[in-house]
Amino acid sequence: RAAVAAALTIDPQLPEAIVADACLKYFYEWDWAAGFLETFKLRLPETERENTYRFNLANLYFRKKDYARAMDLLRHVEFRDKLHNLDARRMLLRMYFETGETDALESLLDSFETYIRRQKDLGYHGENYLNLIRLTRKLLQTPVGEKLTRKKLTTEIVATKALAEREWLLEKIQDYDAPIRGL
């Protein structure tokens, strides 16, 4: 923690990356992460301050499973960075799935796919997220308790080389009690 704080004072160009990195490392220390975001918010470049702060605070709430607060913060972020945009949509995908908001999830999957296909410079990130979208759709279409179908889907997830959120998808397949659809 001290190294993170010290690095912020040494190089004023590092703050955004350091804030994101520190939050990822210490997110499960909720109070520290929230305090860190508040303390170092003013050290962020003014042009990105609010977006970076809100995005990382949304990530904190997402990890705490406080989805309502995370979604609200993400609504107020203007994404200039394509990778932040992808990450925010990934968080929304998981939150909609976890809360059983099927209509919102299906709409997001459509818009997410359109966004990725229009962005020609995403490299391997595009493939990772397109596979996440495809496999999430398959998971949504799999009836709860369909063991054979879920086994095939598990095999497909494991075999897919480029895939964002592989562990989460595998966890959802195993979690028969999770609200998969608003049924």
C-alpha atoms as a PDB file:
ATOM      1  CA  ARG A   1       0.000   0.000   0.000  1.00  0.00           C
ATOM      2  CA  ALA A   2       2.778   2.400   0.901  1.00  0.00           C
ATOM      3  CA  ALA A   3       4.476   1.737  -2.437  1.00  0.00           C
ATOM      4  CA  VAL A   4       1.287   2.648  -4.274  1.00  0.00           C
ATOM      5  CA  ALA A   5       0.990   5.918  -2.397  1.00  0.00           C
ATOM      6  CA  ALA A   6       4.680   6.720  -2.922  1.00  0.00           C
ATOM      7  CA  ALA A   7       4.500   6.060  -6.658  1.00  0.00           C
ATOM      8  CA  LEU A   8       1.694   8.585  -6.993  1.00  0.00           C
ATOM      9  CA  THR A   9       3.897  11.328  -5.599  1.00  0.00           C
ATOM     10  CA  ILE A  10       6.881  10.451  -7.820  1.00  0.00           C
ATOM     11  CA  ASP A  11       5.303  10.443 -11.273  1.00  0.00           C
ATOM     12  CA  PRO A  12       2.158  12.487 -11.911  1.00  0.00           C
ATOM     13  CA  GLN A  13       1.581  10.625 -15.201  1.00  0.00           C
ATOM     14  CA  LEU A  14       1.043   7.289 -13.440  1.00  0.00           C
ATOM     15  CA  PRO A  15      -1.995   7.917 -11.264  1.00  0.00           C
ATOM     16  CA  GLU A  16      -4.755   6.465 -13.445  1.00  0.00           C
ATOM     17  CA  ALA A  17      -2.906   3.193 -13.987  1.00  0.00           C
ATOM     18  CA  ILE A  18      -1.818   3.019 -10.366  1.00  0.00           C
ATOM     19  CA  VAL A  19      -5.310   3.671  -9.052  1.00  0.00           C
ATOM     20  CA  ALA A  20      -6.706   0.878 -11.194  1.00  0.00           C
ATOM     21  CA  ASP A  21      -3.896  -1.498 -10.237  1.00  0.00           C
ATOM     22  CA  ALA A  22      -4.096  -0.713  -6.528  1.00  0.00           C
ATOM     23  CA  CYS A  23      -7.835  -1.151  -6.509  1.00  0.00           C
ATOM     24  CA  LEU A  24      -7.539  -4.535  -8.163  1.00  0.00           C
ATOM     25  CA  LYS A  25      -4.950  -5.680  -5.636  1.00  0.00           C
ATOM     26  CA  TYR A  26      -6.709  -4.391  -2.545  1.00  0.00           C
ATOM     27  CA  PHE A  27     -10.396  -4.485  -3.479  1.00  0.00           C
ATOM     28  CA  TYR A  28     -11.225  -7.057  -0.856  1.00  0.00           C
ATOM     29  CA  GLU A  29     -10.008  -4.627   1.763  1.00  0.00           C
ATOM     30  CA  TRP A  30     -13.111  -2.538   1.098  1.00  0.00           C
ATOM     31  CA  ASP A  31     -12.433   0.299   3.511  1.00  0.00           C
ATOM     32  CA  TRP A  32      -8.848   0.727   2.351  1.00  0.00           C
ATOM     33  CA  ALA A  33      -9.820   0.666  -1.342  1.00  0.00           C
ATOM     34  CA  ALA A  34     -12.614   3.208  -0.843  1.00  0.00           C
ATOM     35  CA  GLY A  35     -10.317   5.449   1.185  1.00  0.00           C
ATOM     36  CA  PHE A  36      -7.591   5.119  -1.421  1.00  0.00           C
ATOM     37  CA  LEU A  37      -9.960   6.182  -4.187  1.00  0.00           C
ATOM     38  CA  GLU A  38     -11.080   9.216  -2.196  1.00  0.00           C
ATOM     39  CA  THR A  39      -7.577  10.229  -1.129  1.00  0.00           C
ATOM     40  CA  PHE A  40      -5.933   9.979  -4.518  1.00  0.00           C
ATOM     41  CA  LYS A  41      -8.822  11.168  -6.646  1.00  0.00           C
ATOM     42  CA  LEU A  42      -7.394  14.696  -6.695  1.00  0.00           C
ATOM     43  CA  ARG A  43      -4.046  13.428  -7.967  1.00  0.00           C
ATOM     44  CA  LEU A  44      -5.595  12.084 -11.126  1.00  0.00           C
ATOM     45  CA  PRO A  45      -5.323  14.172 -14.301  1.00  0.00           C
ATOM     46  CA  GLU A  46      -8.225  16.606 -14.264  1.00  0.00           C
ATOM     47  CA  THR A  47      -9.445  15.530 -17.702  1.00  0.00           C
ATOM     48  CA  GLU A  48      -9.932  11.941 -16.541  1.00  0.00           C
ATOM     49  CA  ARG A  49     -10.526  12.452 -12.819  1.00  0.00           C
ATOM     50  CA  GLU A  50     -14.266  11.892 -12.538  1.00  0.00           C
ATOM     51  CA  ASN A  51     -14.404   9.094 -15.104  1.00  0.00           C
ATOM     52  CA  THR A  52     -11.492   7.211 -13.552  1.00  0.00           C
ATOM     53  CA  TYR A  53     -12.868   7.699 -10.047  1.00  0.00           C
ATOM     54  CA  ARG A  54     -16.403   6.597 -10.950  1.00  0.00           C
ATOM     55  CA  PHE A  55     -15.191   3.652 -13.005  1.00  0.00           C
ATOM     56  CA  ASN A  56     -12.972   2.340 -10.206  1.00  0.00           C
ATOM     57  CA  LEU A  57     -15.599   3.008  -7.533  1.00  0.00           C
ATOM     58  CA  ALA A  58     -18.108   1.096  -9.687  1.00  0.00           C
ATOM     59  CA  ASN A  59     -15.591  -1.739  -9.850  1.00  0.00           C
ATOM     60  CA  LEU A  60     -15.336  -1.677  -6.051  1.00  0.00           C
ATOM     61  CA  TYR A  61     -19.121  -1.886  -5.637  1.00  0.00           C
ATOM     62  CA  PHE A  62     -19.287  -4.578  -8.322  1.00  0.00           C
ATOM     63  CA  ARG A  63     -16.816  -6.711  -6.374  1.00  0.00           C
ATOM     64  CA  LYS A  64     -18.819  -6.103  -3.190  1.00  0.00           C
ATOM     65  CA  LYS A  65     -21.912  -7.279  -5.105  1.00  0.00           C
ATOM     66  CA  ASP A  66     -23.574  -3.921  -4.533  1.00  0.00           C
ATOM     67  CA  TYR A  67     -24.840  -3.982  -8.081  1.00  0.00           C
ATOM     68  CA  ALA A  68     -27.299  -1.092  -7.828  1.00  0.00           C
ATOM     69  CA  ARG A  69     -24.554   1.344  -6.820  1.00  0.00           C
ATOM     70  CA  ALA A  70     -22.134  -0.055  -9.408  1.00  0.00           C
ATOM     71  CA  MET A  71     -24.687   0.289 -12.215  1.00  0.00           C
ATOM     72  CA  ASP A  72     -25.555   3.825 -11.168  1.00  0.00           C
ATOM     73  CA  LEU A  73     -21.900   4.875 -11.249  1.00  0.00           C
ATOM     74  CA  LEU A  74     -21.314   3.268 -14.643  1.00  0.00           C
ATOM     75  CA  ARG A  75     -24.236   5.261 -16.060  1.00  0.00           C
ATOM     76  CA  HIS A  76     -22.273   8.439 -15.293  1.00  0.00           C
ATOM     77  CA  VAL A  77     -18.973   7.422 -16.857  1.00  0.00           C
ATOM     78  CA  GLU A  78     -18.070   8.787 -20.284  1.00  0.00           C
ATOM     79  CA  PHE A  79     -15.854   6.164 -21.824  1.00  0.00           C
ATOM     80  CA  ARG A  80     -12.961   7.562 -23.808  1.00  0.00           C
ATOM     81  CA  ASP A  81     -10.883   4.427 -23.403  1.00  0.00           C
ATOM     82  CA  LYS A  82     -12.148   1.424 -25.369  1.00  0.00           C
ATOM     83  CA  LEU A  83     -10.815  -1.066 -22.833  1.00  0.00           C
ATOM     84  CA  HIS A  84     -12.660   0.700 -19.997  1.00  0.00           C
ATOM     85  CA  ASN A  85     -15.781   0.544 -22.151  1.00  0.00           C
ATOM     86  CA  LEU A  86     -15.322  -3.208 -22.637  1.00  0.00           C
ATOM     87  CA  ASP A  87     -14.679  -3.709 -18.936  1.00  0.00           C
ATOM     88  CA  ALA A  88     -17.773  -1.723 -17.960  1.00  0.00           C
ATOM     89  CA  ARG A  89     -19.933  -3.749 -20.323  1.00  0.00           C
ATOM     90  CA  ARG A  90     -18.408  -6.941 -18.904  1.00  0.00           C
ATOM     91  CA  MET A  91     -19.371  -5.811 -15.406  1.00  0.00           C
ATOM     92  CA  LEU A  92     -22.899  -4.954 -16.570  1.00  0.00           C
ATOM     93  CA  LEU A  93     -23.208  -8.358 -18.242  1.00  0.00           C
ATOM     94  CA  ARG A  94     -22.365 -10.107 -14.996  1.00  0.00           C
ATOM     95  CA  MET A  95     -24.580  -7.839 -12.891  1.00  0.00           C
ATOM     96  CA  TYR A  96     -27.611  -8.302 -15.149  1.00  0.00           C
ATOM     97  CA  PHE A  97     -27.057 -12.058 -15.132  1.00  0.00           C
ATOM     98  CA  GLU A  98     -26.603 -12.237 -11.362  1.00  0.00           C
ATOM     99  CA  THR A  99     -29.740 -10.199 -10.715  1.00  0.00           C
ATOM    100  CA  GLY A 100     -31.857 -12.088 -13.257  1.00  0.00           C
ATOM    101  CA  GLU A 101     -32.461  -9.001 -15.417  1.00  0.00           C
ATOM    102  CA  THR A 102     -32.822 -11.047 -18.579  1.00  0.00           C
ATOM    103  CA  ASP A 103     -34.281  -8.340 -20.823  1.00  0.00           C
ATOM    104  CA  ALA A 104     -31.535  -5.895 -19.888  1.00  0.00           C
ATOM    105  CA  LEU A 105     -28.929  -8.625 -20.346  1.00  0.00           C
ATOM    106  CA  GLU A 106     -30.184  -9.617 -23.788  1.00  0.00           C
ATOM    107  CA  SER A 107     -30.251  -5.974 -24.864  1.00  0.00           C
ATOM    108  CA  LEU A 108     -26.726  -5.492 -23.533  1.00  0.00           C
ATOM    109  CA  LEU A 109     -25.485  -8.608 -25.347  1.00  0.00           C
ATOM    110  CA  ASP A 110     -26.831  -7.195 -28.628  1.00  0.00           C
ATOM    111  CA  SER A 111     -25.359  -3.717 -28.151  1.00  0.00           C
ATOM    112  CA  PHE A 112     -22.084  -5.132 -26.809  1.00  0.00           C
ATOM    113  CA  GLU A 113     -21.676  -7.330 -29.884  1.00  0.00           C
ATOM    114  CA  THR A 114     -22.466  -4.426 -32.213  1.00  0.00           C
ATOM    115  CA  TYR A 115     -19.930  -2.222 -30.419  1.00  0.00           C
ATOM    116  CA  ILE A 116     -17.175  -4.835 -30.714  1.00  0.00           C
ATOM    117  CA  ARG A 117     -17.848  -5.519 -34.389  1.00  0.00           C
ATOM    118  CA  ARG A 118     -17.658  -1.788 -35.169  1.00  0.00           C
ATOM    119  CA  GLN A 119     -14.357  -1.340 -33.347  1.00  0.00           C
ATOM    120  CA  LYS A 120     -11.719  -2.652 -35.714  1.00  0.00           C
ATOM    121  CA  ASP A 121      -8.741  -1.999 -33.439  1.00  0.00           C
ATOM    122  CA  LEU A 122      -9.572  -4.125 -30.398  1.00  0.00           C
ATOM    123  CA  GLY A 123      -7.217  -6.947 -31.348  1.00  0.00           C
ATOM    124  CA  TYR A 124      -7.537 -10.056 -29.195  1.00  0.00           C
ATOM    125  CA  HIS A 125      -9.843  -8.216 -26.781  1.00  0.00           C
ATOM    126  CA  GLY A 126     -12.589  -8.288 -29.393  1.00  0.00           C
ATOM    127  CA  GLU A 127     -12.371 -12.052 -29.771  1.00  0.00           C
ATOM    128  CA  ASN A 128     -12.316 -12.553 -25.985  1.00  0.00           C
ATOM    129  CA  TYR A 129     -15.488 -10.531 -25.524  1.00  0.00           C
ATOM    130  CA  LEU A 130     -17.313 -11.899 -28.583  1.00  0.00           C
ATOM    131  CA  ASN A 131     -16.785 -15.376 -27.161  1.00  0.00           C
ATOM    132  CA  LEU A 132     -18.068 -14.192 -23.771  1.00  0.00           C
ATOM    133  CA  ILE A 133     -21.200 -12.860 -25.462  1.00  0.00           C
ATOM    134  CA  ARG A 134     -21.739 -16.045 -27.483  1.00  0.00           C
ATOM    135  CA  LEU A 135     -21.274 -18.346 -24.501  1.00  0.00           C
ATOM    136  CA  THR A 136     -23.402 -16.178 -22.203  1.00  0.00           C
ATOM    137  CA  ARG A 137     -26.214 -16.455 -24.747  1.00  0.00           C
ATOM    138  CA  LYS A 138     -25.814 -20.234 -24.761  1.00  0.00           C
ATOM    139  CA  LEU A 139     -25.887 -20.278 -20.974  1.00  0.00           C
ATOM    140  CA  LEU A 140     -29.085 -18.208 -20.965  1.00  0.00           C
ATOM    141  CA  GLN A 141     -30.695 -20.697 -23.340  1.00  0.00           C
ATOM    142  CA  THR A 142     -29.699 -23.707 -21.231  1.00  0.00           C
ATOM    143  CA  PRO A 143     -32.531 -24.845 -18.977  1.00  0.00           C
ATOM    144  CA  VAL A 144     -31.645 -25.183 -15.304  1.00  0.00           C
ATOM    145  CA  GLY A 145     -30.978 -28.815 -14.522  1.00  0.00           C
ATOM    146  CA  GLU A 146     -30.085 -29.828 -18.099  1.00  0.00           C
ATOM    147  CA  LYS A 147     -26.937 -31.667 -17.076  1.00  0.00           C
ATOM    148  CA  LEU A 148     -25.984 -32.969 -20.519  1.00  0.00           C
ATOM    149  CA  THR A 149     -26.383 -29.553 -22.137  1.00  0.00           C
ATOM    150  CA  ARG A 150     -24.434 -27.926 -19.330  1.00  0.00           C
ATOM    151  CA  LYS A 151     -21.692 -30.527 -19.648  1.00  0.00           C
ATOM    152  CA  LYS A 152     -21.359 -29.767 -23.375  1.00  0.00           C
ATOM    153  CA  LEU A 153     -21.285 -26.055 -22.617  1.00  0.00           C
ATOM    154  CA  THR A 154     -18.623 -26.612 -19.950  1.00  0.00           C
ATOM    155  CA  THR A 155     -16.502 -28.480 -22.496  1.00  0.00           C
ATOM    156  CA  GLU A 156     -16.948 -25.651 -25.005  1.00  0.00           C
ATOM    157  CA  ILE A 157     -15.995 -22.995 -22.444  1.00  0.00           C
ATOM    158  CA  VAL A 158     -12.875 -24.899 -21.412  1.00  0.00           C
ATOM    159  CA  ALA A 159     -11.897 -25.437 -25.071  1.00  0.00           C
ATOM    160  CA  THR A 160     -12.384 -21.800 -26.098  1.00  0.00           C
ATOM    161  CA  LYS A 161      -8.913 -20.267 -26.089  1.00  0.00           C
ATOM    162  CA  ALA A 162      -9.819 -16.577 -26.251  1.00  0.00           C
ATOM    163  CA  LEU A 163     -12.460 -15.966 -23.595  1.00  0.00           C
ATOM    164  CA  ALA A 164     -13.090 -13.230 -21.059  1.00  0.00           C
ATOM    165  CA  GLU A 165     -14.675 -14.393 -17.776  1.00  0.00           C
ATOM    166  CA  ARG A 166     -14.014 -18.119 -18.265  1.00  0.00           C
ATOM    167  CA  GLU A 167     -14.037 -18.871 -14.511  1.00  0.00           C
ATOM    168  CA  TRP A 168     -17.239 -16.922 -13.979  1.00  0.00           C
ATOM    169  CA  LEU A 169     -19.017 -18.791 -16.798  1.00  0.00           C
ATOM    170  CA  LEU A 170     -17.897 -22.125 -15.377  1.00  0.00           C
ATOM    171  CA  GLU A 171     -19.091 -21.061 -11.934  1.00  0.00           C
ATOM    172  CA  LYS A 172     -22.510 -20.116 -13.323  1.00  0.00           C
ATOM    173  CA  ILE A 173     -22.874 -23.496 -15.000  1.00  0.00           C
ATOM    174  CA  GLN A 174     -22.291 -25.174 -11.647  1.00  0.00           C
ATOM    175  CA  ASP A 175     -24.563 -22.812  -9.774  1.00  0.00           C
ATOM    176  CA  TYR A 176     -27.987 -24.338 -10.395  1.00  0.00           C
ATOM    177  CA  ASP A 177     -29.629 -21.992  -7.934  1.00  0.00           C
ATOM    178  CA  ALA A 178     -28.423 -18.811  -9.642  1.00  0.00           C
ATOM    179  CA  PRO A 179     -31.134 -16.694 -11.255  1.00  0.00           C
ATOM    180  CA  ILE A 180     -30.307 -17.489 -14.861  1.00  0.00           C
ATOM    181  CA  ARG A 181     -33.486 -16.100 -16.334  1.00  0.00           C
ATOM    182  CA  GLY A 182     -36.472 -14.228 -15.098  1.00  0.00           C
ATOM    183  CA  LEU A 183     -38.605 -17.386 -15.168  1.00  0.00           C
END
